[in-house]
Amino acid sequence: FNCYTTTGSFSRSAVNDQAGAKSPLSSFVSAWVVAIVLGSLTSVFAHVPYNALGAIICTSVTNLFHYEQAIFFWKVNKFDFLVWLASFLGVLFISVEIGLAIALGLAVAIVIYESAFPHTALLGRIPNTGVYRNVKQYPDACVVPGIVAVRIDAPIYFANHQWITSRIQDYYKKSARLAKNFGVEVEYVLLDMSPVSHVDAGGVHAIEEWIIEYGKEGVQVVLCNPNLTTIRLLETSGVPDLLGREWIFVTVHDAVIYCSRRLQEKGFSIAPVRIEKALDRQSSS
């Protein structure tokens, strides 16, 4: 069944592995053993029942199937389990080449999918600290109405900037509804770029579009902690001049403090609120 005749039967490989083979030399030894058996001992094995020979083969083959790894993949990552299952079924029912090609193609597709739809997070400040984390992971995190802090957990490039744009817009709309309950409009969108390892030309155009489009609505985009490579690329493309160099900060906390002070200067004195409290207030209204 879909095997190479030059490599011998799968049962021989299984028995060889079960016997503890460690190197290709084992195939040379086993070939001589088989030749000796065929030349002088066939009469001895002629009366061995087929079910006994089948039991030997089945016992050897079952040890080659590592089902524990499949269980591990299922528990840890369903995508990894899917690649394993595709490879197993492809090799079993089609051929070795097709099975491996299916698994490789599926693995590449998963990588592209995860790259094109990266993780993003709405950030809030952990109480009594200057640390900002995902509000879904830390429900007691505090947000400042009128300020949206978003973390982008991937490089920004041509394949994912549309998705990132839509996610930022979703966070902006959600924060705008919350801020409205406190009598303030969203005026600042903070982008935590700490996890962004690089930005390509498409990503630069996306950042420029964010600055321009949010600027039309009276919203200031703020960049937080872009790495050196990203800063050099943005400098080359003129983004700091378009944004305003005073709107690039080292940390999210520094940016929030500065933006909060600007809100106070405009007459909005709003203390940070827990995201759960803000959601409760929104639902009650």
Protein backbone atom coordinates (compact mmCIF):
# COMPACT_ATOMS: atom_id res chain seq x y z
CA PHE A 1 0.00 0.00 0.00
CA ASN A 2 1.79 3.10 -1.31
CA CYS A 3 5.29 2.06 -0.26
CA TYR A 4 8.68 1.95 -1.98
CA THR A 5 9.54 -1.58 -3.10
CA THR A 6 13.24 -0.81 -2.73
CA THR A 7 12.89 -0.29 1.02
CA GLY A 8 11.25 -3.59 1.79
CA SER A 9 8.01 -4.14 3.67
CA PHE A 10 6.74 -1.90 6.43
CA SER A 11 6.53 -4.91 8.73
CA ARG A 12 10.29 -5.52 8.46
CA SER A 13 10.98 -1.88 9.32
CA ALA A 14 8.68 -2.14 12.32
CA VAL A 15 10.31 -5.33 13.59
CA ASN A 16 13.75 -3.79 13.01
CA ASP A 17 12.81 -0.72 15.05
CA GLN A 18 11.30 -2.87 17.79
CA ALA A 19 14.52 -4.88 17.97
CA GLY A 20 16.39 -1.69 18.92
CA ALA A 21 18.05 -0.68 15.66
CA LYS A 22 20.16 2.48 15.97
CA SER A 23 21.86 2.93 12.58
CA PRO A 24 21.53 1.94 8.88
CA LEU A 25 23.96 -0.87 9.57
CA SER A 26 21.02 -2.75 11.08
CA SER A 27 19.46 -3.03 7.61
CA PHE A 28 22.65 -4.67 6.33
CA VAL A 29 22.64 -7.17 9.20
CA SER A 30 18.92 -7.90 8.88
CA ALA A 31 19.31 -8.45 5.13
CA TRP A 32 21.95 -11.14 5.76
CA VAL A 33 19.78 -12.72 8.46
CA VAL A 34 16.83 -12.85 6.08
CA ALA A 35 19.03 -14.35 3.35
CA ILE A 36 20.29 -17.07 5.72
CA VAL A 37 16.76 -17.85 6.91
CA LEU A 38 15.44 -18.07 3.35
CA GLY A 39 18.34 -20.27 2.29
CA SER A 40 18.38 -22.78 5.13
CA LEU A 41 15.51 -22.35 7.60
CA THR A 42 12.40 -22.03 5.42
CA SER A 43 11.39 -25.59 6.20
CA VAL A 44 11.46 -24.80 9.91
CA PHE A 45 9.19 -21.74 9.60
CA ALA A 46 6.92 -23.29 6.97
CA HIS A 47 4.57 -24.66 9.61
CA VAL A 48 4.33 -21.49 11.74
CA PRO A 49 0.66 -20.33 11.68
CA TYR A 50 -0.08 -17.12 9.78
CA ASN A 51 -1.83 -15.67 12.81
CA ALA A 52 1.39 -16.00 14.81
CA LEU A 53 3.35 -14.14 12.11
CA GLY A 54 0.58 -11.52 11.93
CA ALA A 55 0.70 -11.04 15.70
CA ILE A 56 4.44 -10.34 15.52
CA ILE A 57 3.93 -7.74 12.82
CA CYS A 58 0.96 -6.08 14.54
CA THR A 59 2.81 -5.87 17.84
CA SER A 60 5.77 -4.19 16.16
CA VAL A 61 3.69 -1.75 14.10
CA THR A 62 1.54 -0.55 17.01
CA ASN A 63 4.66 0.70 18.80
CA LEU A 64 5.39 2.99 15.85
CA PHE A 65 2.10 4.85 16.37
CA HIS A 66 2.75 7.48 19.06
CA TYR A 67 -0.81 8.38 19.97
CA GLU A 68 0.41 10.17 23.12
CA GLN A 69 1.76 12.93 20.88
CA ALA A 70 -1.66 13.34 19.26
CA ILE A 71 -3.27 13.72 22.69
CA PHE A 72 -0.61 16.27 23.62
CA PHE A 73 -1.27 18.29 20.45
CA TRP A 74 -5.03 18.19 21.10
CA LYS A 75 -4.58 19.54 24.62
CA VAL A 76 -1.99 22.19 23.77
CA ASN A 77 -2.95 23.50 20.32
CA LYS A 78 -5.80 22.38 18.06
CA PHE A 79 -3.99 23.70 14.98
CA ASP A 80 -0.98 21.46 15.70
CA PHE A 81 -3.34 18.51 16.11
CA LEU A 82 -4.94 19.32 12.76
CA VAL A 83 -1.53 19.31 11.03
CA TRP A 84 -0.65 15.99 12.71
CA LEU A 85 -3.97 14.44 11.71
CA ALA A 86 -3.68 15.62 8.10
CA SER A 87 -0.17 14.18 7.84
CA PHE A 88 -1.23 10.87 9.40
CA LEU A 89 -4.31 10.36 7.24
CA GLY A 90 -2.55 11.53 4.08
CA VAL A 91 0.34 9.10 4.50
CA LEU A 92 -1.99 6.27 5.56
CA PHE A 93 -4.56 6.50 2.77
CA ILE A 94 -2.79 8.30 -0.09
CA SER A 95 1.02 8.28 -0.09
CA VAL A 96 4.00 9.50 1.86
CA GLU A 97 4.67 12.41 -0.49
CA ILE A 98 1.05 13.58 -0.66
CA GLY A 99 0.57 13.21 3.09
CA LEU A 100 3.63 15.28 3.90
CA ALA A 101 2.68 17.86 1.23
CA ILE A 102 -0.79 18.23 2.76
CA ALA A 103 0.68 18.68 6.24
CA LEU A 104 3.26 21.19 5.00
CA GLY A 105 0.65 23.19 3.08
CA LEU A 106 -1.68 23.22 6.07
CA ALA A 107 1.13 24.35 8.39
CA VAL A 108 2.01 27.22 6.04
CA ALA A 109 -1.66 28.21 5.82
CA ILE A 110 -1.90 28.31 9.62
CA VAL A 111 1.23 30.48 9.85
CA ILE A 112 -0.23 32.89 7.28
CA TYR A 113 -3.56 32.96 9.13
CA GLU A 114 -1.96 33.73 12.48
CA SER A 115 0.21 36.38 10.88
CA ALA A 116 -2.68 38.01 8.99
CA PHE A 117 -4.95 38.09 12.05
CA PRO A 118 -2.62 38.98 14.95
CA HIS A 119 -3.62 39.43 18.55
CA THR A 120 -4.42 42.91 19.81
CA ALA A 121 -5.53 44.09 23.24
CA LEU A 122 -7.30 46.98 24.91
CA LEU A 123 -5.07 48.05 27.80
CA GLY A 124 -5.85 49.21 31.31
CA ARG A 125 -3.61 50.16 34.22
CA ILE A 126 -3.13 47.64 37.02
CA PRO A 127 -4.14 49.41 40.26
CA ASN A 128 -1.29 51.03 42.23
CA THR A 129 1.20 50.40 39.40
CA GLY A 130 2.33 51.95 36.16
CA VAL A 131 1.81 48.68 34.32
CA TYR A 132 -0.77 48.36 31.55
CA ARG A 133 -2.24 44.99 30.64
CA ASN A 134 -5.08 43.43 28.66
CA VAL A 135 -8.41 44.31 30.32
CA LYS A 136 -9.76 40.87 29.42
CA GLN A 137 -6.97 39.23 31.36
CA TYR A 138 -7.14 41.73 34.24
CA PRO A 139 -10.79 42.81 34.78
CA ASP A 140 -9.78 45.14 37.63
CA ALA A 141 -7.55 47.17 35.29
CA CYS A 142 -8.39 50.88 35.15
CA VAL A 143 -9.02 52.97 32.05
CA VAL A 144 -9.23 56.72 31.63
CA PRO A 145 -12.42 57.79 29.80
CA GLY A 146 -11.36 59.73 26.74
CA ILE A 147 -8.13 57.75 26.27
CA VAL A 148 -7.86 54.48 24.38
CA ALA A 149 -4.72 52.38 24.85
CA VAL A 150 -4.25 49.53 22.36
CA ARG A 151 -1.41 47.01 22.16
CA ILE A 152 -0.44 45.49 18.80
CA ASP A 153 1.17 42.08 19.32
CA ALA A 154 2.70 41.59 15.87
CA PRO A 155 4.69 43.32 13.14
CA ILE A 156 2.62 45.71 11.03
CA TYR A 157 2.89 44.79 7.34
CA PHE A 158 0.85 44.48 4.15
CA ALA A 159 -0.91 41.23 5.13
CA ASN A 160 -2.31 42.33 8.49
CA HIS A 161 -2.64 46.12 8.62
CA GLN A 162 -6.28 46.00 7.49
CA TRP A 163 -7.13 43.64 10.35
CA ILE A 164 -5.23 45.80 12.84
CA THR A 165 -7.05 48.89 11.54
CA SER A 166 -10.43 47.23 12.10
CA ARG A 167 -9.45 46.11 15.61
CA ILE A 168 -8.32 49.62 16.58
CA GLN A 169 -11.59 51.00 15.23
CA ASP A 170 -13.56 48.47 17.29
CA TYR A 171 -11.69 49.48 20.46
CA TYR A 172 -12.23 53.15 19.62
CA LYS A 173 -15.99 52.70 19.21
CA LYS A 174 -16.25 50.69 22.41
CA SER A 175 -14.25 53.28 24.37
CA ALA A 176 -16.28 56.11 22.83
CA ARG A 177 -19.48 54.58 24.20
CA LEU A 178 -17.89 54.24 27.64
CA ALA A 179 -16.49 57.78 27.61
CA LYS A 180 -19.85 59.22 26.64
CA ASN A 181 -21.30 58.00 29.93
CA PHE A 182 -18.73 60.18 31.72
CA GLY A 183 -19.49 63.25 29.62
CA VAL A 184 -16.30 63.16 27.58
CA GLU A 185 -15.32 62.23 24.04
CA VAL A 186 -12.38 60.04 23.08
CA GLU A 187 -9.54 62.40 22.19
CA TYR A 188 -6.47 60.13 22.28
CA VAL A 189 -5.69 56.74 20.75
CA LEU A 190 -2.50 55.29 22.25
CA LEU A 191 -0.75 52.54 20.33
CA ASP A 192 1.61 50.37 22.39
CA MET A 193 4.17 49.25 19.80
CA SER A 194 6.49 47.39 22.17
CA PRO A 195 5.75 43.98 20.55
CA VAL A 196 6.02 45.38 16.99
CA SER A 197 9.35 44.06 15.71
CA HIS A 198 9.20 45.72 12.29
CA VAL A 199 6.98 47.71 9.95
CA ASP A 200 7.00 47.50 6.15
CA ALA A 201 5.86 50.08 3.59
CA GLY A 202 2.26 48.93 3.86
CA GLY A 203 2.46 49.29 7.64
CA VAL A 204 3.86 52.82 7.34
CA HIS A 205 0.98 53.81 5.07
CA ALA A 206 -1.44 52.30 7.59
CA ILE A 207 0.04 54.37 10.44
CA GLU A 208 -0.16 57.49 8.28
CA GLU A 209 -3.79 56.67 7.52
CA TRP A 210 -4.55 56.26 11.24
CA ILE A 211 -3.01 59.64 12.00
CA ILE A 212 -4.93 61.38 9.22
CA GLU A 213 -8.31 59.67 9.65
CA TYR A 214 -8.46 59.97 13.43
CA GLY A 215 -7.17 63.52 13.13
CA LYS A 216 -10.23 64.39 11.03
CA GLU A 217 -12.38 63.34 13.99
CA GLY A 218 -10.34 65.43 16.41
CA VAL A 219 -8.57 62.40 17.86
CA GLN A 220 -4.81 62.42 18.44
CA VAL A 221 -2.84 59.23 17.70
CA VAL A 222 0.01 58.55 20.14
CA LEU A 223 2.85 56.04 19.62
CA CYS A 224 4.36 54.30 22.64
CA ASN A 225 7.76 52.61 22.75
CA PRO A 226 8.46 51.78 19.08
CA ASN A 227 11.78 49.97 18.75
CA LEU A 228 14.87 51.46 17.11
CA THR A 229 14.30 49.77 13.74
CA THR A 230 10.72 51.01 13.61
CA ILE A 231 11.74 54.53 14.65
CA ARG A 232 14.35 54.70 11.87
CA LEU A 233 11.82 53.54 9.30
CA LEU A 234 9.23 56.04 10.51
CA GLU A 235 11.86 58.79 10.42
CA THR A 236 12.69 57.91 6.81
CA SER A 237 9.03 58.07 5.82
CA GLY A 238 8.37 61.33 7.69
CA VAL A 239 5.78 59.91 10.10
CA PRO A 240 7.14 61.77 13.20
CA ASP A 241 6.69 65.10 11.40
CA LEU A 242 3.15 64.15 10.37
CA LEU A 243 2.30 62.92 13.86
CA GLY A 244 4.26 65.44 15.89
CA ARG A 245 7.35 64.31 17.73
CA GLU A 246 5.84 65.25 21.09
CA TRP A 247 3.34 62.40 20.59
CA ILE A 248 5.93 59.62 20.76
CA PHE A 249 6.51 58.27 24.28
CA VAL A 250 8.72 55.68 25.91
CA THR A 251 5.94 54.03 27.94
CA VAL A 252 2.18 53.82 27.86
CA HIS A 253 2.05 55.19 31.40
CA ASP A 254 3.93 58.34 30.40
CA ALA A 255 1.55 58.84 27.48
CA VAL A 256 -1.55 58.35 29.66
CA ILE A 257 -0.30 60.84 32.25
CA TYR A 258 0.43 63.44 29.56
CA CYS A 259 -2.91 62.93 27.82
CA SER A 260 -4.78 63.03 31.14
CA ARG A 261 -3.13 66.36 31.93
CA ARG A 262 -4.22 67.70 28.55
CA LEU A 263 -7.80 66.59 29.27
CA GLN A 264 -7.67 68.38 32.64
CA GLU A 265 -6.51 71.54 30.91
CA LYS A 266 -9.64 71.33 28.77
CA GLY A 267 -11.82 71.10 31.88
CA PHE A 268 -12.26 67.33 32.06
CA SER A 269 -11.20 66.03 35.47
CA ILE A 270 -11.86 62.31 35.24
CA ALA A 271 -10.18 59.74 37.45
CA PRO A 272 -9.30 56.29 36.09
CA VAL A 273 -12.14 53.80 36.48
CA ARG A 274 -12.19 50.03 36.55
CA ILE A 275 -13.26 48.55 33.27
CA GLU A 276 -15.93 46.47 35.03
CA LYS A 277 -17.36 49.60 36.67
CA ALA A 278 -17.40 51.41 33.36
CA LEU A 279 -19.20 48.49 31.71
CA ASP A 280 -21.74 48.35 34.55
CA ARG A 281 -22.39 52.05 34.18
CA GLN A 282 -22.86 51.65 30.46
CA SER A 283 -25.32 48.77 30.87
CA SER A 284 -27.34 50.63 33.53
CA SER A 285 -27.65 53.67 31.28
